[in-house]
Amino acid sequence: MFFAFGNLIYISVLLVNAIAILSEDRFLARVGWSNTVSEPAFGTGSAGDASIKNKLINLTTSVRTLMRIPLIVINSILIVYEVILG
Protein backbone atom coordinates (compact mmCIF):
# COMPACT_ATOMS: atom_id res chain seq x y z
CA MET A 1 0.00 0.00 0.00
CA PHE A 2 1.46 3.32 -1.09
CA PHE A 3 -0.04 5.45 1.69
CA ALA A 4 -0.34 3.99 5.14
CA PHE A 5 -2.38 5.53 7.95
CA GLY A 6 0.77 6.80 9.67
CA ASN A 7 1.96 8.54 6.52
CA LEU A 8 -1.38 10.31 6.15
CA ILE A 9 -1.08 11.56 9.73
CA TYR A 10 2.46 12.84 9.02
CA ILE A 11 1.31 14.57 5.83
CA SER A 12 -1.65 16.25 7.54
CA VAL A 13 0.48 17.42 10.48
CA LEU A 14 3.12 18.80 8.11
CA LEU A 15 0.49 20.67 6.07
CA VAL A 16 -1.08 22.20 9.18
CA ASN A 17 2.41 23.13 10.41
CA ALA A 18 3.11 24.81 7.08
CA ILE A 19 -0.08 26.88 7.36
CA ALA A 20 0.56 27.71 11.02
CA ILE A 21 4.03 29.16 10.49
CA LEU A 22 3.08 31.59 7.73
CA SER A 23 3.78 35.13 8.90
CA GLU A 24 0.97 37.53 8.11
CA ASP A 25 3.24 40.58 8.14
CA ARG A 26 6.21 39.17 6.24
CA PHE A 27 4.66 36.83 3.69
CA LEU A 28 0.88 36.92 3.49
CA ALA A 29 0.61 40.72 3.21
CA ARG A 30 3.11 40.77 0.34
CA VAL A 31 1.14 38.30 -1.75
CA GLY A 32 -2.21 39.91 -0.91
CA TRP A 33 -3.45 37.22 1.48
CA SER A 34 -3.57 39.38 4.60
CA ASN A 35 -6.73 39.46 6.69
CA THR A 36 -6.52 43.22 7.26
CA VAL A 37 -9.52 43.97 5.04
CA SER A 38 -12.53 44.53 7.23
CA GLU A 39 -15.35 42.05 6.89
CA PRO A 40 -18.90 43.30 6.33
CA ALA A 41 -21.05 43.61 9.43
CA PHE A 42 -23.15 40.69 10.56
CA GLY A 43 -26.21 40.28 8.39
CA THR A 44 -25.20 42.81 5.72
CA GLY A 45 -23.89 40.34 3.16
CA SER A 46 -24.60 36.79 2.18
CA ALA A 47 -22.12 33.98 2.72
CA GLY A 48 -22.28 33.10 -0.96
CA ASP A 49 -20.66 36.40 -1.93
CA ALA A 50 -17.30 35.50 -0.39
CA SER A 51 -14.71 34.51 -2.96
CA ILE A 52 -12.55 31.42 -2.73
CA LYS A 53 -9.59 33.65 -1.89
CA ASN A 54 -11.43 35.19 1.07
CA LYS A 55 -12.47 31.76 2.28
CA LEU A 56 -8.86 30.52 2.09
CA ILE A 57 -7.64 33.62 3.96
CA ASN A 58 -10.21 32.96 6.69
CA LEU A 59 -9.22 29.27 6.81
CA THR A 60 -5.55 30.19 7.14
CA THR A 61 -6.30 32.67 9.92
CA SER A 62 -8.48 30.14 11.73
CA VAL A 63 -5.85 27.40 11.53
CA ARG A 64 -3.16 29.77 12.79
CA THR A 65 -5.37 30.84 15.70
CA LEU A 66 -7.01 27.58 16.77
CA MET A 67 -4.27 25.03 16.10
CA ARG A 68 -1.35 26.76 17.83
CA ILE A 69 -1.48 24.88 21.17
CA PRO A 70 -2.72 21.53 19.77
CA LEU A 71 0.11 21.58 17.21
CA ILE A 72 2.69 21.94 19.97
CA VAL A 73 1.26 18.87 21.69
CA ILE A 74 0.90 16.83 18.48
CA ASN A 75 4.43 17.71 17.33
CA SER A 76 5.84 16.77 20.74
CA ILE A 77 4.05 13.41 20.63
CA LEU A 78 5.32 12.72 17.12
CA ILE A 79 8.90 13.63 18.08
CA VAL A 80 8.81 11.35 21.12
CA TYR A 81 7.29 8.57 19.01
CA GLU A 82 10.00 8.90 16.37
CA VAL A 83 12.81 9.01 18.95
CA ILE A 84 11.55 5.93 20.80
CA LEU A 85 10.19 3.78 17.96
CA GLY A 86 11.62 5.47 14.88
C-alpha atoms as a PDB file:
ATOM      1  CA  MET A   1       0.000   0.000   0.000  1.00  0.00           C
ATOM      2  CA  PHE A   2       1.464   3.322  -1.089  1.00  0.00           C
ATOM      3  CA  PHE A   3      -0.040   5.454   1.694  1.00  0.00           C
ATOM      4  CA  ALA A   4      -0.339   3.992   5.144  1.00  0.00           C
ATOM      5  CA  PHE A   5      -2.375   5.526   7.946  1.00  0.00           C
ATOM      6  CA  GLY A   6       0.770   6.798   9.675  1.00  0.00           C
ATOM      7  CA  ASN A   7       1.964   8.540   6.517  1.00  0.00           C
ATOM      8  CA  LEU A   8      -1.381  10.310   6.149  1.00  0.00           C
ATOM      9  CA  ILE A   9      -1.077  11.563   9.734  1.00  0.00           C
ATOM     10  CA  TYR A  10       2.456  12.840   9.019  1.00  0.00           C
ATOM     11  CA  ILE A  11       1.306  14.568   5.832  1.00  0.00           C
ATOM     12  CA  SER A  12      -1.649  16.245   7.536  1.00  0.00           C
ATOM     13  CA  VAL A  13       0.475  17.420  10.480  1.00  0.00           C
ATOM     14  CA  LEU A  14       3.117  18.799   8.113  1.00  0.00           C
ATOM     15  CA  LEU A  15       0.492  20.674   6.070  1.00  0.00           C
ATOM     16  CA  VAL A  16      -1.082  22.195   9.179  1.00  0.00           C
ATOM     17  CA  ASN A  17       2.409  23.128  10.409  1.00  0.00           C
ATOM     18  CA  ALA A  18       3.108  24.811   7.078  1.00  0.00           C
ATOM     19  CA  ILE A  19      -0.082  26.877   7.365  1.00  0.00           C
ATOM     20  CA  ALA A  20       0.556  27.706  11.020  1.00  0.00           C
ATOM     21  CA  ILE A  21       4.034  29.160  10.494  1.00  0.00           C
ATOM     22  CA  LEU A  22       3.081  31.589   7.732  1.00  0.00           C
ATOM     23  CA  SER A  23       3.778  35.126   8.896  1.00  0.00           C
ATOM     24  CA  GLU A  24       0.972  37.526   8.107  1.00  0.00           C
ATOM     25  CA  ASP A  25       3.244  40.581   8.136  1.00  0.00           C
ATOM     26  CA  ARG A  26       6.210  39.167   6.244  1.00  0.00           C
ATOM     27  CA  PHE A  27       4.661  36.832   3.695  1.00  0.00           C
ATOM     28  CA  LEU A  28       0.883  36.925   3.488  1.00  0.00           C
ATOM     29  CA  ALA A  29       0.605  40.717   3.210  1.00  0.00           C
ATOM     30  CA  ARG A  30       3.115  40.773   0.344  1.00  0.00           C
ATOM     31  CA  VAL A  31       1.137  38.300  -1.752  1.00  0.00           C
ATOM     32  CA  GLY A  32      -2.214  39.912  -0.906  1.00  0.00           C
ATOM     33  CA  TRP A  33      -3.453  37.220   1.483  1.00  0.00           C
ATOM     34  CA  SER A  34      -3.567  39.381   4.605  1.00  0.00           C
ATOM     35  CA  ASN A  35      -6.729  39.459   6.692  1.00  0.00           C
ATOM     36  CA  THR A  36      -6.521  43.220   7.260  1.00  0.00           C
ATOM     37  CA  VAL A  37      -9.521  43.966   5.043  1.00  0.00           C
ATOM     38  CA  SER A  38     -12.534  44.528   7.232  1.00  0.00           C
ATOM     39  CA  GLU A  39     -15.347  42.055   6.895  1.00  0.00           C
ATOM     40  CA  PRO A  40     -18.896  43.302   6.326  1.00  0.00           C
ATOM     41  CA  ALA A  41     -21.053  43.611   9.426  1.00  0.00           C
ATOM     42  CA  PHE A  42     -23.152  40.695  10.560  1.00  0.00           C
ATOM     43  CA  GLY A  43     -26.215  40.283   8.386  1.00  0.00           C
ATOM     44  CA  THR A  44     -25.205  42.811   5.722  1.00  0.00           C
ATOM     45  CA  GLY A  45     -23.891  40.343   3.162  1.00  0.00           C
ATOM     46  CA  SER A  46     -24.603  36.790   2.185  1.00  0.00           C
ATOM     47  CA  ALA A  47     -22.117  33.977   2.722  1.00  0.00           C
ATOM     48  CA  GLY A  48     -22.284  33.102  -0.964  1.00  0.00           C
ATOM     49  CA  ASP A  49     -20.660  36.401  -1.933  1.00  0.00           C
ATOM     50  CA  ALA A  50     -17.301  35.501  -0.392  1.00  0.00           C
ATOM     51  CA  SER A  51     -14.713  34.513  -2.958  1.00  0.00           C
ATOM     52  CA  ILE A  52     -12.549  31.425  -2.728  1.00  0.00           C
ATOM     53  CA  LYS A  53      -9.587  33.648  -1.886  1.00  0.00           C
ATOM     54  CA  ASN A  54     -11.435  35.194   1.070  1.00  0.00           C
ATOM     55  CA  LYS A  55     -12.468  31.756   2.284  1.00  0.00           C
ATOM     56  CA  LEU A  56      -8.856  30.522   2.092  1.00  0.00           C
ATOM     57  CA  ILE A  57      -7.643  33.617   3.964  1.00  0.00           C
ATOM     58  CA  ASN A  58     -10.208  32.957   6.693  1.00  0.00           C
ATOM     59  CA  LEU A  59      -9.225  29.270   6.813  1.00  0.00           C
ATOM     60  CA  THR A  60      -5.548  30.188   7.143  1.00  0.00           C
ATOM     61  CA  THR A  61      -6.303  32.673   9.923  1.00  0.00           C
ATOM     62  CA  SER A  62      -8.476  30.138  11.727  1.00  0.00           C
ATOM     63  CA  VAL A  63      -5.847  27.404  11.525  1.00  0.00           C
ATOM     64  CA  ARG A  64      -3.160  29.773  12.791  1.00  0.00           C
ATOM     65  CA  THR A  65      -5.374  30.835  15.703  1.00  0.00           C
ATOM     66  CA  LEU A  66      -7.009  27.581  16.772  1.00  0.00           C
ATOM     67  CA  MET A  67      -4.271  25.027  16.105  1.00  0.00           C
ATOM     68  CA  ARG A  68      -1.349  26.759  17.827  1.00  0.00           C
ATOM     69  CA  ILE A  69      -1.480  24.884  21.167  1.00  0.00           C
ATOM     70  CA  PRO A  70      -2.722  21.535  19.774  1.00  0.00           C
ATOM     71  CA  LEU A  71       0.111  21.578  17.213  1.00  0.00           C
ATOM     72  CA  ILE A  72       2.690  21.941  19.969  1.00  0.00           C
ATOM     73  CA  VAL A  73       1.256  18.874  21.692  1.00  0.00           C
ATOM     74  CA  ILE A  74       0.904  16.831  18.484  1.00  0.00           C
ATOM     75  CA  ASN A  75       4.429  17.711  17.330  1.00  0.00           C
ATOM     76  CA  SER A  76       5.837  16.772  20.736  1.00  0.00           C
ATOM     77  CA  ILE A  77       4.051  13.414  20.633  1.00  0.00           C
ATOM     78  CA  LEU A  78       5.320  12.717  17.117  1.00  0.00           C
ATOM     79  CA  ILE A  79       8.897  13.626  18.077  1.00  0.00           C
ATOM     80  CA  VAL A  80       8.814  11.353  21.122  1.00  0.00           C
ATOM     81  CA  TYR A  81       7.288   8.569  19.006  1.00  0.00           C
ATOM     82  CA  GLU A  82       9.998   8.899  16.374  1.00  0.00           C
ATOM     83  CA  VAL A  83      12.807   9.007  18.947  1.00  0.00           C
ATOM     84  CA  ILE A  84      11.552   5.934  20.798  1.00  0.00           C
ATOM     85  CA  LEU A  85      10.188   3.775  17.965  1.00  0.00           C
ATOM     86  CA  GLY A  86      11.619   5.470  14.877  1.00  0.00           C
END
